Protein backbone atom coordinates (compact mmCIF):
# COMPACT_ATOMS: atom_id res chain seq x y z
CA MET A 1 -64.32 -50.26 17.41
CA LYS A 2 -60.61 -49.87 18.20
CA LEU A 3 -59.85 -52.71 15.80
CA LYS A 4 -61.82 -50.99 13.01
CA LEU A 5 -60.07 -47.67 13.59
CA THR A 6 -56.69 -49.38 13.55
CA PHE A 7 -57.57 -51.11 10.27
CA ILE A 8 -58.76 -47.81 8.68
CA ALA A 9 -55.60 -46.02 9.80
CA PHE A 10 -53.48 -48.83 8.38
CA ALA A 11 -55.37 -48.73 5.07
CA PHE A 12 -54.89 -44.97 4.75
CA SER A 13 -51.19 -45.18 5.55
CA LEU A 14 -50.81 -48.03 3.06
CA PHE A 15 -52.62 -45.99 0.36
CA PHE A 16 -50.57 -42.85 0.87
CA GLY A 17 -47.38 -44.85 1.11
CA PHE A 18 -48.23 -46.53 -2.18
CA ALA A 19 -48.98 -43.13 -3.78
CA GLN A 20 -45.46 -42.06 -2.98
CA GLN A 21 -44.07 -45.16 -4.67
CA ILE A 22 -45.91 -44.81 -7.97
CA GLN A 23 -43.52 -45.24 -10.86
CA LEU A 24 -44.58 -43.37 -13.96
CA SER A 25 -44.62 -45.34 -17.18
CA PRO A 26 -42.56 -44.41 -20.28
CA LYS A 27 -45.75 -42.87 -21.73
CA ALA A 28 -46.02 -40.33 -18.91
CA GLU A 29 -45.94 -36.62 -19.79
CA ILE A 30 -45.59 -33.60 -17.54
CA SER A 31 -46.67 -30.24 -18.87
CA VAL A 32 -47.09 -26.67 -17.71
CA LEU A 33 -50.60 -25.26 -18.02
CA THR A 34 -51.13 -21.51 -18.36
CA ILE A 35 -54.59 -20.15 -17.69
CA GLY A 36 -55.57 -16.82 -19.20
CA PRO A 37 -57.02 -13.92 -17.19
CA GLY A 38 -60.55 -14.02 -15.83
CA GLU A 39 -63.15 -11.32 -15.23
CA SER A 40 -62.57 -10.60 -11.53
CA LEU A 41 -59.55 -8.82 -10.04
CA ASN A 42 -58.55 -12.02 -8.27
CA ASP A 43 -58.37 -13.81 -11.65
CA ALA A 44 -56.95 -10.91 -13.68
CA PHE A 45 -53.38 -12.21 -13.69
CA GLY A 46 -54.04 -15.79 -14.82
CA HIS A 47 -52.80 -19.02 -13.28
CA ASN A 48 -50.24 -21.80 -13.81
CA GLY A 49 -50.17 -25.47 -12.91
CA PHE A 50 -48.39 -28.77 -13.59
CA ARG A 51 -50.29 -31.46 -15.44
CA VAL A 52 -49.13 -35.05 -14.88
CA LYS A 53 -50.62 -37.42 -17.44
CA ASP A 54 -49.92 -41.14 -17.65
CA THR A 55 -52.48 -43.03 -19.74
CA SER A 56 -50.95 -46.38 -18.81
CA LEU A 57 -51.62 -45.78 -15.11
CA GLY A 58 -54.84 -43.79 -15.58
CA ILE A 59 -53.31 -40.67 -14.05
CA ASP A 60 -54.32 -37.21 -15.24
CA VAL A 61 -54.04 -34.63 -12.48
CA VAL A 62 -53.13 -30.95 -12.14
CA TYR A 63 -51.05 -29.51 -9.30
CA GLY A 64 -51.26 -25.79 -8.63
CA TYR A 65 -49.91 -23.39 -6.04
CA GLY A 66 -51.81 -20.54 -4.43
CA ALA A 67 -55.06 -22.01 -3.12
CA TYR A 68 -56.63 -20.26 -0.13
CA ASP A 69 -56.69 -22.02 3.21
CA PHE A 70 -60.07 -20.76 4.45
CA ASN A 71 -59.77 -22.92 7.56
CA ALA A 72 -56.73 -20.99 8.76
CA PRO A 73 -57.32 -19.22 12.11
CA ASN A 74 -57.84 -15.45 11.75
CA PHE A 75 -57.98 -15.84 7.96
CA TYR A 76 -58.81 -12.22 7.07
CA LEU A 77 -56.37 -10.69 9.56
CA LYS A 78 -53.52 -12.89 8.36
CA PHE A 79 -54.46 -12.12 4.74
CA ALA A 80 -54.27 -8.38 5.44
CA GLN A 81 -50.97 -8.78 7.30
CA GLY A 82 -49.38 -10.86 4.53
CA LYS A 83 -48.95 -13.78 6.93
CA LEU A 84 -51.47 -16.18 5.40
CA ASN A 85 -50.22 -19.58 4.33
CA TYR A 86 -51.46 -20.72 0.92
CA LEU A 87 -51.83 -24.32 -0.28
CA ILE A 88 -50.77 -26.56 -3.12
CA SER A 89 -53.84 -28.05 -4.80
CA ARG A 90 -54.35 -31.30 -6.72
CA ASP A 91 -57.32 -31.75 -9.07
CA ASN A 92 -58.41 -34.20 -11.71
CA PHE A 93 -57.66 -32.64 -15.09
CA ALA A 94 -61.25 -33.18 -16.23
CA ASP A 95 -62.55 -31.07 -13.33
CA PHE A 96 -59.80 -28.48 -13.82
CA ASN A 97 -60.53 -28.23 -17.53
CA TYR A 98 -64.28 -27.96 -16.97
CA HIS A 99 -63.85 -25.17 -14.43
CA TYR A 100 -61.75 -22.90 -16.65
CA THR A 101 -63.64 -23.57 -19.87
CA TYR A 102 -66.89 -22.85 -18.01
CA TYR A 103 -65.49 -19.45 -17.03
CA ASN A 104 -64.22 -18.92 -20.58
CA ARG A 105 -60.52 -18.72 -19.79
CA THR A 106 -57.84 -19.76 -22.26
CA ILE A 107 -55.85 -22.91 -21.40
CA ASN A 108 -52.41 -23.35 -22.98
CA GLU A 109 -50.29 -26.48 -22.49
CA GLN A 110 -46.52 -26.92 -22.82
CA VAL A 111 -45.23 -30.48 -22.60
CA LEU A 112 -41.81 -30.51 -20.94
CA ASN A 113 -38.93 -32.17 -22.76
CA PHE A 114 -37.89 -34.15 -19.68
CA THR A 115 -36.32 -37.57 -19.35
CA ALA A 116 -38.15 -40.34 -17.53
CA GLN A 117 -35.94 -39.74 -14.48
CA GLU A 118 -36.70 -36.00 -14.47
CA LYS A 119 -40.43 -36.62 -14.79
CA GLN A 120 -40.33 -39.05 -11.90
CA LYS A 121 -38.36 -36.59 -9.79
CA LEU A 122 -40.82 -33.78 -10.50
CA PHE A 123 -43.82 -36.03 -9.81
CA ASN A 124 -42.32 -37.25 -6.54
CA PHE A 125 -41.64 -33.66 -5.50
CA LEU A 126 -45.24 -32.63 -6.18
CA GLU A 127 -46.68 -35.64 -4.34
CA ASN A 128 -44.43 -34.98 -1.36
CA ASN A 129 -45.34 -31.29 -1.47
CA TYR A 130 -49.02 -32.22 -1.41
CA LYS A 131 -48.75 -34.06 1.90
CA PRO A 132 -50.78 -32.31 4.65
CA GLU A 133 -47.64 -31.40 6.56
CA ASN A 134 -46.00 -29.87 3.46
CA ARG A 135 -48.93 -28.24 1.64
CA ARG A 136 -48.74 -24.79 3.22
CA TYR A 137 -46.33 -22.06 2.24
CA LEU A 138 -46.08 -18.31 2.80
CA TYR A 139 -47.36 -16.68 -0.37
CA ASP A 140 -45.87 -13.54 -1.91
CA PHE A 141 -47.58 -11.95 -4.91
CA PHE A 142 -44.32 -11.03 -6.66
CA TYR A 143 -41.75 -13.54 -5.47
CA ASP A 144 -43.49 -16.74 -4.39
CA ASN A 145 -46.79 -17.24 -6.19
CA CYS A 146 -48.53 -19.72 -8.49
CA ALA A 147 -46.22 -18.78 -11.39
CA THR A 148 -42.84 -18.54 -9.67
CA LYS A 149 -43.46 -21.90 -7.99
CA ILE A 150 -43.78 -23.53 -11.43
CA ARG A 151 -40.40 -22.16 -12.47
CA ASP A 152 -38.70 -23.03 -9.18
CA VAL A 153 -40.03 -26.61 -9.07
CA THR A 154 -39.03 -27.15 -12.71
CA LEU A 155 -35.49 -26.02 -11.92
CA LYS A 156 -35.34 -28.46 -9.00
CA ALA A 157 -36.51 -31.39 -11.15
CA THR A 158 -33.50 -31.42 -13.45
CA ASP A 159 -29.72 -31.28 -13.07
CA ARG A 160 -29.48 -29.80 -16.54
CA LYS A 161 -29.11 -26.05 -16.84
CA ILE A 162 -32.24 -24.23 -17.95
CA ASP A 163 -31.51 -21.03 -19.87
CA PHE A 164 -34.41 -18.61 -20.23
CA VAL A 165 -33.73 -17.02 -23.60
CA LEU A 166 -35.19 -13.55 -24.11
CA PRO A 167 -38.03 -13.46 -26.64
CA GLU A 168 -37.65 -11.11 -29.60
CA ASN A 169 -40.28 -8.69 -28.33
CA PHE A 170 -38.92 -8.56 -24.77
CA GLU A 171 -39.22 -5.17 -23.05
CA VAL A 172 -37.84 -4.03 -19.74
CA LYS A 173 -40.79 -2.97 -17.57
CA THR A 174 -41.52 -2.00 -13.99
CA PHE A 175 -43.63 -4.21 -11.75
CA ARG A 176 -46.40 -1.61 -11.84
CA THR A 177 -46.40 -1.50 -15.64
CA LEU A 178 -46.68 -5.29 -15.73
CA ILE A 179 -49.66 -5.11 -13.36
CA HIS A 180 -51.33 -2.41 -15.47
CA GLU A 181 -51.08 -4.70 -18.51
CA HIS A 182 -53.56 -6.99 -16.78
CA VAL A 183 -55.86 -4.63 -14.88
CA GLY A 184 -55.68 -1.50 -17.05
CA LEU A 185 -54.95 2.06 -16.00
CA ASN A 186 -58.44 3.42 -15.44
CA THR A 187 -60.09 0.56 -13.52
CA TRP A 188 -61.03 0.23 -9.87
CA GLY A 189 -58.60 -2.67 -9.58
CA SER A 190 -55.63 -0.55 -10.64
CA PHE A 191 -56.96 2.38 -8.59
CA GLY A 192 -56.83 0.32 -5.40
CA ILE A 193 -53.52 -1.32 -6.29
CA ASP A 194 -51.86 2.02 -7.08
CA ILE A 195 -52.94 3.41 -3.72
CA ALA A 196 -52.01 0.32 -1.68
CA LEU A 197 -48.65 -0.54 -3.26
CA GLY A 198 -45.60 1.64 -2.81
CA SER A 199 -42.70 2.91 -4.87
CA VAL A 200 -40.88 -0.43 -4.52
CA ILE A 201 -42.89 -1.72 -7.50
CA ASP A 202 -41.83 1.20 -9.71
CA ARG A 203 -38.39 -0.27 -10.29
CA GLU A 204 -37.62 -2.35 -13.38
CA ALA A 205 -38.26 -6.06 -13.01
CA THR A 206 -35.46 -8.40 -14.04
CA VAL A 207 -36.02 -11.26 -16.47
CA ASN A 208 -36.41 -13.62 -13.53
CA GLU A 209 -38.77 -11.27 -11.71
CA GLN A 210 -41.07 -10.82 -14.70
CA GLN A 211 -41.98 -14.46 -14.28
CA PHE A 212 -44.28 -13.62 -11.39
CA LEU A 213 -46.96 -13.37 -14.08
CA PRO A 214 -48.31 -16.65 -15.53
CA LYS A 215 -48.22 -15.42 -19.14
CA TYR A 216 -44.48 -14.75 -18.82
CA ILE A 217 -43.93 -18.26 -17.48
CA HIS A 218 -45.48 -19.43 -20.75
CA THR A 219 -43.36 -17.02 -22.83
CA PHE A 220 -40.03 -17.76 -21.16
CA PHE A 221 -40.61 -21.53 -21.01
CA GLU A 222 -41.39 -21.49 -24.74
CA ASN A 223 -37.96 -20.03 -25.49
CA ALA A 224 -35.98 -21.85 -22.77
CA THR A 225 -33.26 -24.41 -23.52
CA LEU A 226 -31.74 -27.35 -21.65
CA ASN A 227 -27.95 -27.17 -21.49
CA GLY A 228 -28.15 -24.78 -24.44
CA THR A 229 -28.88 -27.61 -26.88
CA GLU A 230 -32.43 -28.90 -26.42
CA ARG A 231 -35.66 -27.00 -26.02
CA LEU A 232 -37.31 -27.14 -22.61
CA VAL A 233 -40.77 -27.42 -24.21
CA LYS A 234 -41.27 -30.43 -26.45
CA ARG A 235 -44.75 -29.52 -27.66
CA SER A 236 -47.17 -26.63 -27.22
CA SER A 237 -50.90 -26.51 -27.80
CA THR A 238 -54.00 -24.55 -26.89
CA LEU A 239 -56.52 -26.75 -25.11
CA TYR A 240 -59.17 -24.04 -24.99
CA GLU A 241 -59.34 -20.62 -26.63
CA LYS A 242 -61.31 -17.90 -24.89
CA LYS A 243 -64.44 -16.89 -26.78
CA GLU A 244 -64.80 -13.18 -27.35
CA THR A 245 -67.58 -11.60 -25.34
CA ASN A 246 -68.91 -8.09 -24.87
CA SER A 247 -66.73 -6.19 -22.45
CA SER A 248 -68.32 -5.38 -19.10
CA TYR A 249 -66.11 -2.32 -18.67
CA ASN A 250 -68.13 0.88 -18.36
CA LEU A 251 -66.20 4.12 -18.76
CA LEU A 252 -68.97 6.10 -17.04
CA PHE A 253 -68.27 4.29 -13.77
CA SER A 254 -64.47 4.33 -14.06
CA PRO A 255 -62.29 5.97 -11.38
CA LEU A 256 -61.37 8.91 -13.63
CA VAL A 257 -65.02 9.79 -14.25
CA ILE A 258 -66.24 9.23 -10.67
CA MET A 259 -63.29 11.08 -9.13
CA GLY A 260 -63.73 13.79 -11.76
CA LEU A 261 -67.33 14.29 -10.67
CA LEU A 262 -66.32 14.40 -7.01
CA GLY A 263 -63.59 16.89 -7.90
CA LEU A 264 -66.09 19.09 -9.75
CA GLY A 265 -68.35 18.95 -6.71
CA ILE A 266 -65.52 20.13 -4.46
CA LEU A 267 -64.62 22.92 -6.90
CA PHE A 268 -68.25 24.03 -7.16
CA LEU A 269 -68.68 24.22 -3.37
CA THR A 270 -65.32 25.97 -3.02
CA TYR A 271 -66.33 28.57 -5.62
CA LYS A 272 -69.67 29.04 -3.86
CA ASP A 273 -67.90 29.51 -0.52
CA TYR A 274 -65.49 31.99 -2.09
CA LYS A 275 -68.30 34.09 -3.60
CA ASN A 276 -70.35 34.10 -0.37
CA ASN A 277 -67.32 34.45 1.93
CA THR A 278 -68.44 31.35 3.82
CA ARG A 279 -67.04 27.89 4.49
CA SER A 280 -68.71 24.48 4.15
CA LYS A 281 -67.33 22.91 7.31
CA TRP A 282 -68.89 19.52 6.57
CA LEU A 283 -66.98 19.36 3.26
CA ASP A 284 -63.68 20.06 5.00
CA ALA A 285 -64.45 17.44 7.64
CA VAL A 286 -65.15 14.86 4.90
CA ILE A 287 -61.94 15.69 2.99
CA PHE A 288 -59.75 15.57 6.11
CA GLY A 289 -61.53 12.47 7.40
CA ILE A 290 -61.20 10.42 4.21
CA THR A 291 -57.59 11.41 3.52
CA GLY A 292 -56.70 10.71 7.15
CA VAL A 293 -58.28 7.24 7.16
CA VAL A 294 -56.62 6.32 3.85
CA GLY A 295 -53.30 7.51 5.26
CA ILE A 296 -53.70 5.31 8.35
CA LEU A 297 -54.43 2.28 6.13
CA ILE A 298 -51.33 3.03 4.04
CA LEU A 299 -49.21 3.26 7.21
CA PHE A 300 -50.67 -0.05 8.39
CA LEU A 301 -49.82 -1.77 5.11
CA TRP A 302 -46.32 -0.28 5.14
CA PHE A 303 -45.23 -0.90 8.73
CA ALA A 304 -47.64 -3.43 10.28
CA THR A 305 -47.68 -6.15 7.60
CA ASP A 306 -45.24 -8.51 5.90
CA HIS A 307 -46.29 -7.42 2.41
CA THR A 308 -43.12 -6.54 0.48
CA ALA A 309 -44.90 -4.38 -2.10
CA THR A 310 -46.57 -1.92 0.28
CA ALA A 311 -43.36 -0.27 1.50
CA GLN A 312 -42.19 3.25 0.64
CA ASN A 313 -45.66 4.35 -0.35
CA TYR A 314 -45.67 8.07 -1.19
CA ASN A 315 -49.44 8.19 -1.40
CA LEU A 316 -48.90 9.47 2.14
CA LEU A 317 -48.06 12.81 0.51
CA TRP A 318 -51.77 13.36 -0.18
CA ALA A 319 -53.36 10.96 2.31
CA PHE A 320 -51.80 12.26 5.49
CA PRO A 321 -52.76 10.32 8.67
CA PHE A 322 -52.67 13.38 10.93
CA ASN A 323 -55.57 14.87 8.95
CA ILE A 324 -57.82 12.89 11.31
CA LEU A 325 -56.59 15.04 14.22
CA VAL A 326 -57.39 18.27 12.38
CA ILE A 327 -61.12 17.54 11.97
CA ALA A 328 -62.00 18.92 15.42
CA GLN A 329 -60.26 22.20 14.63
CA ILE A 330 -61.75 22.43 11.12
CA LEU A 331 -65.27 22.29 12.55
CA LYS A 332 -64.71 25.32 14.80
CA PRO A 333 -65.67 28.86 13.69
CA GLN A 334 -62.06 29.95 14.18
CA VAL A 335 -58.98 27.78 13.97
CA LYS A 336 -55.65 28.02 15.76
CA ASN A 337 -52.56 29.35 14.01
CA TRP A 338 -50.96 25.90 13.76
CA VAL A 339 -53.81 24.79 11.48
CA LYS A 340 -52.89 27.51 8.96
CA ARG A 341 -49.28 26.33 9.02
CA TYR A 342 -50.50 22.75 8.66
CA LEU A 343 -52.46 23.68 5.52
CA LYS A 344 -49.31 25.15 3.98
CA PHE A 345 -47.56 21.88 4.82
CA LEU A 346 -50.29 19.88 3.03
CA ILE A 347 -49.97 22.11 -0.05
CA ILE A 348 -46.20 21.52 -0.12
CA MET A 349 -46.79 17.76 0.19
CA LEU A 350 -49.09 17.79 -2.86
CA VAL A 351 -46.48 19.70 -4.87
CA LEU A 352 -43.83 17.21 -3.71
CA MET A 353 -46.08 14.35 -4.82
CA THR A 354 -46.23 15.87 -8.31
CA PHE A 355 -42.42 15.89 -8.49
CA HIS A 356 -42.32 12.25 -7.35
CA TRP A 357 -44.75 11.37 -10.15
CA ILE A 358 -42.96 13.34 -12.88
CA SER A 359 -39.53 12.01 -11.90
CA GLY A 360 -40.77 8.40 -11.81
CA VAL A 361 -40.11 7.79 -8.12
CA GLN A 362 -43.67 6.50 -7.87
CA VAL A 363 -46.56 6.26 -10.32
CA PHE A 364 -49.92 7.14 -8.78
CA ALA A 365 -53.47 6.21 -9.80
CA ILE A 366 -54.60 8.39 -12.71
CA GLY A 367 -58.07 8.46 -11.19
CA LEU A 368 -56.63 10.61 -8.40
CA ILE A 369 -55.71 13.50 -10.73
CA PRO A 370 -59.04 15.43 -10.76
CA LEU A 371 -59.65 14.75 -7.08
CA LEU A 372 -56.19 15.95 -5.99
CA ILE A 373 -56.44 19.10 -8.11
CA SER A 374 -59.73 19.99 -6.42
CA VAL A 375 -58.31 19.17 -2.95
CA LEU A 376 -55.28 21.38 -3.65
CA ILE A 377 -57.57 24.28 -4.62
CA ARG A 378 -59.65 23.66 -1.50
CA TYR A 379 -56.52 23.82 0.67
CA LEU A 380 -55.48 27.09 -1.00
CA PHE A 381 -58.96 28.50 -0.38
CA LEU A 382 -58.87 27.48 3.29
CA ALA A 383 -55.42 29.00 3.82
CA LYS A 384 -56.65 32.31 2.38
CA TYR A 385 -59.96 32.14 4.26
CA PHE A 386 -58.32 31.52 7.63
CA ASN A 387 -55.78 34.31 7.08
CA LYS A 388 -58.65 36.69 6.32
CA ALA A 389 -60.73 35.53 9.27
CA ASN A 390 -57.90 36.07 11.72
C-alpha cells in the first residue's frame, strides 16, 4: 500500500511539474474574454478571463479570477466581513463557452498582440497562480476583482509599456454612477447597494479605476497600444451575441412603488391619528425598530469589516442606530422630555441628509424618497403630539 501511495504521489508531482514546463507552440494565442451581464445581481457586472489556445498542443483553457471558495471556514461571516479569499479558476473553453451561451450572455474575444516570449510568460504566470498554494487572494469589488486582475496580469506579462488610450466617448463618472449603469436606478439591487455603500463611491473614478468593470476592460484594451506604436489587441470578435428576451423587470414591484405604498400607509395612519388625536404606537415601534436595525447594519459594515466601499455612509442620517433604544419609550403612554429632543434631532438629521444629497456628498437610493418623506412627517406629528400631551 505504501509503495502504491508513493507511486501515485510521484506521478502527480511529475504531472504538475510537466505542466509547469509546457512550452507553447508558435501557433499559440492568448486572448481576453469579456462576458456580458447576466440576469442576477451577482452576474450584473459581467466577467473577464484569459483564454489560452494552442491547437498544436491541444490546449484551450480559460483562466478567471473571482471564484468562490465555498470550503473556506466561516464562509458567510468572512464574506460579510470582506475577509473571504477568492480563487483563480481554470476551465476547458468548451465548458466555459457552453455555460455562458446557455445563460444567454454575450462573449467577446480580444486576441493579444503578444510575442511568443510574452505569451509564454503570461501562461507560466497563470499556471503558477493556479497552484493550490497560490490560488487564493483577498478580493475587493473595486480594486482587486475579476477585471482588474486581467489588466494587472497583462501588465506583468510584458516589458513593453501599455498605454490605455481614452476612447472617443469617454466620460468621467463616479463609482456609483458606473454601478447604476449595470443595475439601474430603481431596482432592488441598486436599492441595497445604495444603502450599504458609503460616500466613498461618490467620487469620480480615474481611468485606471473605471477598469473594475469588465466592459471597460474590453473598451480600454481595444484602444490600448504597446510602446505607443502597436495595438495591444491584434484581433477582436464576438463569439456569442446575447439573444434579446422579454425583460423580467416589473415596475409594479420596484423599490419606488413599494416604498411609495409604504409611505402612503404611514401618511394615512398619521393623518388618522391627527384627526382622532391618538397615536398608533405599533407604527412608531416598527419605524424606530427598522431604522435602528438598518443603522446597526450600516455601522457594522463601516467599522467592523474590511470592505473599502462601506465607509463614510451617511445613510446613518436616516437609519439611526439609537432608534432601537427609543422603542421602549415610544410604547409608553407618556414619554420623557429627552425623547422630544431626540425627535427634533432626527428631523435635523433628515434635513442634513437632503443637503448631503443635493450637494453630491452622497447619492442615496431613489426608492427611499417617498418613505423618508412620510417618516419625516411622522416625526413632525410625534413632536407636536408629545408637546401637546405634556
